[in-house]
Amino acid sequence: MTRRNKVKLELFQNMSERKVSFRKRKTGLMKKLSELSTLCDVDACAIILNPFNSSFDVWPSPPWVQSVLTKFRHMPEVEETKHMYNLETITQERIQKTREQVRKLRMENRRIEIEQIINQCMLGGSLDFKNDLNLLNDMDLVLSQNIQELNIRIKALKGENSHENTLMGS
């Protein structure tokens, strides 16, 4: 099964590409709405302004759309806006997710850098950093984490050994 290339979310500059994409995506959206409505028994509708002829495409029918919109307008405002998404919200979520990924990668890179410095020190490397408080604190943190991991492994191994000794002694 071949995968499609991911499309950048930006306006098509070529007008004919834009029209073709609009037509295909509108058809796909209507099909998805129909499936959602049928399979999940939900009230769904769509109003799409066609930018090429200034008309509205309505699905499934104008009276149905009117009834769904009436139900929507009569909801409490909190419920009405609870699951609304717009481009800004989606973009903000992506930015936040990307920032978190960058933060984690920076932390991991820093941890790797510190471990390399520790390894160099253990091999007799220079201690040029001995006046760098941030580096020394980071080294202390990494070493403390490594010691904790070692203690956990030691306890696990002791537990396995005592379990094996118990089984052999029986």
C-alpha atoms as a PDB file:
ATOM      1  CA  MET A   1       0.000   0.000   0.000  1.00  0.00           C
ATOM      2  CA  THR A   2       1.540   3.298  -1.051  1.00  0.00           C
ATOM      3  CA  ARG A   3       1.290   6.380   1.095  1.00  0.00           C
ATOM      4  CA  ARG A   4       0.353   9.753  -0.254  1.00  0.00           C
ATOM      5  CA  ASN A   5       2.659  12.690   0.184  1.00  0.00           C
ATOM      6  CA  LYS A   6       1.577  15.037   2.938  1.00  0.00           C
ATOM      7  CA  VAL A   7       0.099  18.211   1.460  1.00  0.00           C
ATOM      8  CA  LYS A   8       1.190  21.555   2.869  1.00  0.00           C
ATOM      9  CA  LEU A   9      -1.725  23.502   4.288  1.00  0.00           C
ATOM     10  CA  GLU A  10      -1.363  26.578   2.155  1.00  0.00           C
ATOM     11  CA  LEU A  11      -3.352  28.165  -0.623  1.00  0.00           C
ATOM     12  CA  PHE A  12      -2.858  26.672  -4.084  1.00  0.00           C
ATOM     13  CA  GLN A  13      -1.383  29.399  -6.268  1.00  0.00           C
ATOM     14  CA  ASN A  14      -2.541  27.755  -9.490  1.00  0.00           C
ATOM     15  CA  MET A  15      -6.262  28.534  -9.944  1.00  0.00           C
ATOM     16  CA  SER A  16      -7.080  25.345 -11.866  1.00  0.00           C
ATOM     17  CA  GLU A  17      -5.406  23.217  -9.150  1.00  0.00           C
ATOM     18  CA  ARG A  18      -7.396  25.150  -6.557  1.00  0.00           C
ATOM     19  CA  LYS A  19     -10.700  24.491  -8.347  1.00  0.00           C
ATOM     20  CA  VAL A  20      -9.977  20.782  -8.784  1.00  0.00           C
ATOM     21  CA  SER A  21      -8.898  20.446  -5.157  1.00  0.00           C
ATOM     22  CA  PHE A  22     -11.990  22.329  -3.962  1.00  0.00           C
ATOM     23  CA  ARG A  23     -14.322  20.100  -5.965  1.00  0.00           C
ATOM     24  CA  LYS A  24     -12.670  16.848  -4.845  1.00  0.00           C
ATOM     25  CA  ARG A  25     -12.347  17.835  -1.203  1.00  0.00           C
ATOM     26  CA  LYS A  26     -15.902  19.152  -1.057  1.00  0.00           C
ATOM     27  CA  THR A  27     -17.160  15.839  -2.448  1.00  0.00           C
ATOM     28  CA  GLY A  28     -15.017  13.937   0.072  1.00  0.00           C
ATOM     29  CA  LEU A  29     -16.264  16.101   2.929  1.00  0.00           C
ATOM     30  CA  MET A  30     -19.901  15.556   1.959  1.00  0.00           C
ATOM     31  CA  LYS A  31     -19.280  11.803   1.745  1.00  0.00           C
ATOM     32  CA  LYS A  32     -17.665  11.793   5.201  1.00  0.00           C
ATOM     33  CA  LEU A  33     -20.558  13.790   6.646  1.00  0.00           C
ATOM     34  CA  SER A  34     -23.031  11.347   5.133  1.00  0.00           C
ATOM     35  CA  GLU A  35     -21.103   8.400   6.619  1.00  0.00           C
ATOM     36  CA  LEU A  36     -20.865  10.098  10.018  1.00  0.00           C
ATOM     37  CA  SER A  37     -24.564  10.875  10.028  1.00  0.00           C
ATOM     38  CA  THR A  38     -25.573   7.352   8.974  1.00  0.00           C
ATOM     39  CA  LEU A  39     -23.100   5.258  10.965  1.00  0.00           C
ATOM     40  CA  CYS A  40     -23.186   7.256  14.201  1.00  0.00           C
ATOM     41  CA  ASP A  41     -26.780   8.507  14.049  1.00  0.00           C
ATOM     42  CA  VAL A  42     -25.801  12.148  14.503  1.00  0.00           C
ATOM     43  CA  ASP A  43     -27.327  15.289  13.105  1.00  0.00           C
ATOM     44  CA  ALA A  44     -24.803  16.726  10.680  1.00  0.00           C
ATOM     45  CA  CYS A  45     -24.932  19.367   8.002  1.00  0.00           C
ATOM     46  CA  ALA A  46     -22.641  21.499   5.891  1.00  0.00           C
ATOM     47  CA  ILE A  47     -22.795  24.925   4.323  1.00  0.00           C
ATOM     48  CA  ILE A  48     -19.924  25.628   1.966  1.00  0.00           C
ATOM     49  CA  LEU A  49     -19.467  28.907   0.117  1.00  0.00           C
ATOM     50  CA  ASN A  50     -18.180  28.119  -3.342  1.00  0.00           C
ATOM     51  CA  PRO A  51     -15.540  30.816  -3.976  1.00  0.00           C
ATOM     52  CA  PHE A  52     -15.624  30.267  -7.740  1.00  0.00           C
ATOM     53  CA  ASN A  53     -19.270  31.135  -8.359  1.00  0.00           C
ATOM     54  CA  SER A  54     -20.356  32.761  -5.062  1.00  0.00           C
ATOM     55  CA  SER A  55     -23.017  30.131  -4.429  1.00  0.00           C
ATOM     56  CA  PHE A  56     -23.618  28.033  -1.340  1.00  0.00           C
ATOM     57  CA  ASP A  57     -23.480  24.266  -1.349  1.00  0.00           C
ATOM     58  CA  VAL A  58     -25.773  22.888   1.328  1.00  0.00           C
ATOM     59  CA  TRP A  59     -25.849  19.303   2.568  1.00  0.00           C
ATOM     60  CA  PRO A  60     -28.142  17.407   2.903  1.00  0.00           C
ATOM     61  CA  SER A  61     -30.950  19.934   2.323  1.00  0.00           C
ATOM     62  CA  PRO A  62     -31.740  23.533   3.321  1.00  0.00           C
ATOM     63  CA  PRO A  63     -34.598  22.555   5.703  1.00  0.00           C
ATOM     64  CA  TRP A  64     -32.376  19.980   7.431  1.00  0.00           C
ATOM     65  CA  VAL A  65     -29.549  22.502   7.784  1.00  0.00           C
ATOM     66  CA  GLN A  66     -32.005  25.003   9.239  1.00  0.00           C
ATOM     67  CA  SER A  67     -33.210  22.494  11.858  1.00  0.00           C
ATOM     68  CA  VAL A  68     -29.645  21.550  12.870  1.00  0.00           C
ATOM     69  CA  LEU A  69     -28.651  25.222  13.146  1.00  0.00           C
ATOM     70  CA  THR A  70     -31.737  25.944  15.245  1.00  0.00           C
ATOM     71  CA  LYS A  71     -30.784  23.132  17.651  1.00  0.00           C
ATOM     72  CA  PHE A  72     -27.240  24.487  17.753  1.00  0.00           C
ATOM     73  CA  ARG A  73     -28.316  28.061  18.492  1.00  0.00           C
ATOM     74  CA  HIS A  74     -30.545  26.930  21.356  1.00  0.00           C
ATOM     75  CA  MET A  75     -27.694  25.186  23.170  1.00  0.00           C
ATOM     76  CA  PRO A  76     -26.079  26.889  26.172  1.00  0.00           C
ATOM     77  CA  GLU A  77     -23.036  28.898  25.062  1.00  0.00           C
ATOM     78  CA  VAL A  78     -20.655  26.685  27.032  1.00  0.00           C
ATOM     79  CA  GLU A  79     -21.882  23.578  25.200  1.00  0.00           C
ATOM     80  CA  GLU A  80     -22.011  25.423  21.898  1.00  0.00           C
ATOM     81  CA  THR A  81     -18.340  26.385  21.955  1.00  0.00           C
ATOM     82  CA  LYS A  82     -17.034  23.321  23.823  1.00  0.00           C
ATOM     83  CA  HIS A  83     -15.813  21.386  20.782  1.00  0.00           C
ATOM     84  CA  MET A  84     -15.372  24.195  18.273  1.00  0.00           C
ATOM     85  CA  TYR A  85     -12.103  24.326  16.406  1.00  0.00           C
ATOM     86  CA  ASN A  86     -10.798  26.940  14.070  1.00  0.00           C
ATOM     87  CA  LEU A  87      -7.529  27.314  12.249  1.00  0.00           C
ATOM     88  CA  GLU A  88      -6.074  29.430  15.053  1.00  0.00           C
ATOM     89  CA  THR A  89      -6.896  26.813  17.713  1.00  0.00           C
ATOM     90  CA  ILE A  90      -5.438  24.009  15.622  1.00  0.00           C
ATOM     91  CA  THR A  91      -2.314  26.060  14.888  1.00  0.00           C
ATOM     92  CA  GLN A  92      -1.859  26.908  18.584  1.00  0.00           C
ATOM     93  CA  GLU A  93      -2.153  23.214  19.499  1.00  0.00           C
ATOM     94  CA  ARG A  94       0.453  22.313  16.866  1.00  0.00           C
ATOM     95  CA  ILE A  95       2.786  25.060  18.090  1.00  0.00           C
ATOM     96  CA  GLN A  96       2.423  23.869  21.691  1.00  0.00           C
ATOM     97  CA  LYS A  97       3.042  20.245  20.698  1.00  0.00           C
ATOM     98  CA  THR A  98       6.112  21.240  18.663  1.00  0.00           C
ATOM     99  CA  ARG A  99       7.467  23.360  21.533  1.00  0.00           C
ATOM    100  CA  GLU A 100       7.086  20.399  23.879  1.00  0.00           C
ATOM    101  CA  GLN A 101       8.907  18.140  21.419  1.00  0.00           C
ATOM    102  CA  VAL A 102      11.724  20.698  21.088  1.00  0.00           C
ATOM    103  CA  ARG A 103      11.959  20.990  24.885  1.00  0.00           C
ATOM    104  CA  LYS A 104      12.218  17.199  25.271  1.00  0.00           C
ATOM    105  CA  LEU A 105      14.828  16.961  22.514  1.00  0.00           C
ATOM    106  CA  ARG A 106      16.893  19.734  24.119  1.00  0.00           C
ATOM    107  CA  MET A 107      16.745  17.952  27.468  1.00  0.00           C
ATOM    108  CA  GLU A 108      17.772  14.659  25.857  1.00  0.00           C
ATOM    109  CA  ASN A 109      20.612  16.351  23.949  1.00  0.00           C
ATOM    110  CA  ARG A 110      21.812  18.008  27.151  1.00  0.00           C
ATOM    111  CA  ARG A 111      21.690  14.658  28.988  1.00  0.00           C
ATOM    112  CA  ILE A 112      23.741  13.020  26.217  1.00  0.00           C
ATOM    113  CA  GLU A 113      26.222  15.913  26.269  1.00  0.00           C
ATOM    114  CA  ILE A 114      26.607  15.597  30.055  1.00  0.00           C
ATOM    115  CA  GLU A 115      27.075  11.819  29.827  1.00  0.00           C
ATOM    116  CA  GLN A 116      29.800  12.337  27.222  1.00  0.00           C
ATOM    117  CA  ILE A 117      31.583  14.808  29.511  1.00  0.00           C
ATOM    118  CA  ILE A 118      31.297  12.363  32.424  1.00  0.00           C
ATOM    119  CA  ASN A 119      32.718   9.576  30.250  1.00  0.00           C
ATOM    120  CA  GLN A 120      35.618  11.819  29.191  1.00  0.00           C
ATOM    121  CA  CYS A 121      36.340  12.597  32.853  1.00  0.00           C
ATOM    122  CA  MET A 122      36.334   8.895  33.711  1.00  0.00           C
ATOM    123  CA  LEU A 123      38.869   8.311  30.937  1.00  0.00           C
ATOM    124  CA  GLY A 124      41.173  10.945  32.416  1.00  0.00           C
ATOM    125  CA  GLY A 125      39.995  13.921  30.389  1.00  0.00           C
ATOM    126  CA  SER A 126      40.484  17.515  31.454  1.00  0.00           C
ATOM    127  CA  LEU A 127      38.361  19.204  34.129  1.00  0.00           C
ATOM    128  CA  ASP A 128      38.167  22.617  32.406  1.00  0.00           C
ATOM    129  CA  PHE A 129      34.527  22.931  33.422  1.00  0.00           C
ATOM    130  CA  LYS A 130      35.099  22.809  37.203  1.00  0.00           C
ATOM    131  CA  ASN A 131      34.023  26.477  37.578  1.00  0.00           C
ATOM    132  CA  ASP A 132      30.847  26.072  35.507  1.00  0.00           C
ATOM    133  CA  LEU A 133      28.108  25.768  38.137  1.00  0.00           C
ATOM    134  CA  ASN A 134      25.338  24.935  35.641  1.00  0.00           C
ATOM    135  CA  LEU A 135      27.376  22.131  34.123  1.00  0.00           C
ATOM    136  CA  LEU A 136      28.308  20.747  37.538  1.00  0.00           C
ATOM    137  CA  ASN A 137      24.647  20.816  38.627  1.00  0.00           C
ATOM    138  CA  ASP A 138      23.603  19.052  35.423  1.00  0.00           C
ATOM    139  CA  MET A 139      26.327  16.442  35.937  1.00  0.00           C
ATOM    140  CA  ASP A 140      25.106  15.915  39.505  1.00  0.00           C
ATOM    141  CA  LEU A 141      21.545  15.425  38.246  1.00  0.00           C
ATOM    142  CA  VAL A 142      22.545  12.926  35.533  1.00  0.00           C
ATOM    143  CA  LEU A 143      24.766  10.977  37.925  1.00  0.00           C
ATOM    144  CA  SER A 144      21.989  10.907  40.554  1.00  0.00           C
ATOM    145  CA  GLN A 145      19.519   9.581  37.981  1.00  0.00           C
ATOM    146  CA  ASN A 146      22.009   6.921  36.868  1.00  0.00           C
ATOM    147  CA  ILE A 147      22.610   5.880  40.492  1.00  0.00           C
ATOM    148  CA  GLN A 148      18.843   5.584  41.056  1.00  0.00           C
ATOM    149  CA  GLU A 149      18.533   3.386  37.963  1.00  0.00           C
ATOM    150  CA  LEU A 150      21.420   1.209  39.190  1.00  0.00           C
ATOM    151  CA  ASN A 151      19.817   0.840  42.629  1.00  0.00           C
ATOM    152  CA  ILE A 152      16.549  -0.249  41.008  1.00  0.00           C
ATOM    153  CA  ARG A 153      18.398  -2.843  38.913  1.00  0.00           C
ATOM    154  CA  ILE A 154      20.315  -4.102  41.955  1.00  0.00           C
ATOM    155  CA  LYS A 155      17.080  -4.529  43.939  1.00  0.00           C
ATOM    156  CA  ALA A 156      15.473  -6.327  41.004  1.00  0.00           C
ATOM    157  CA  LEU A 157      18.449  -8.672  40.652  1.00  0.00           C
ATOM    158  CA  LYS A 158      18.527  -9.353  44.396  1.00  0.00           C
ATOM    159  CA  GLY A 159      14.810 -10.127  44.238  1.00  0.00           C
ATOM    160  CA  GLU A 160      15.359 -12.554  41.346  1.00  0.00           C
ATOM    161  CA  ASN A 161      18.291 -14.216  43.129  1.00  0.00           C
ATOM    162  CA  SER A 162      16.379 -14.658  46.380  1.00  0.00           C
ATOM    163  CA  HIS A 163      13.443 -16.079  44.398  1.00  0.00           C
ATOM    164  CA  GLU A 164      15.792 -18.527  42.611  1.00  0.00           C
ATOM    165  CA  ASN A 165      17.419 -19.514  45.928  1.00  0.00           C
ATOM    166  CA  THR A 166      13.995 -20.160  47.423  1.00  0.00           C
ATOM    167  CA  LEU A 167      13.055 -22.369  44.480  1.00  0.00           C
ATOM    168  CA  MET A 168      16.354 -24.297  44.630  1.00  0.00           C
ATOM    169  CA  GLY A 169      16.157 -24.752  48.399  1.00  0.00           C
ATOM    170  CA  SER A 170      12.708 -26.361  48.206  1.00  0.00           C
END
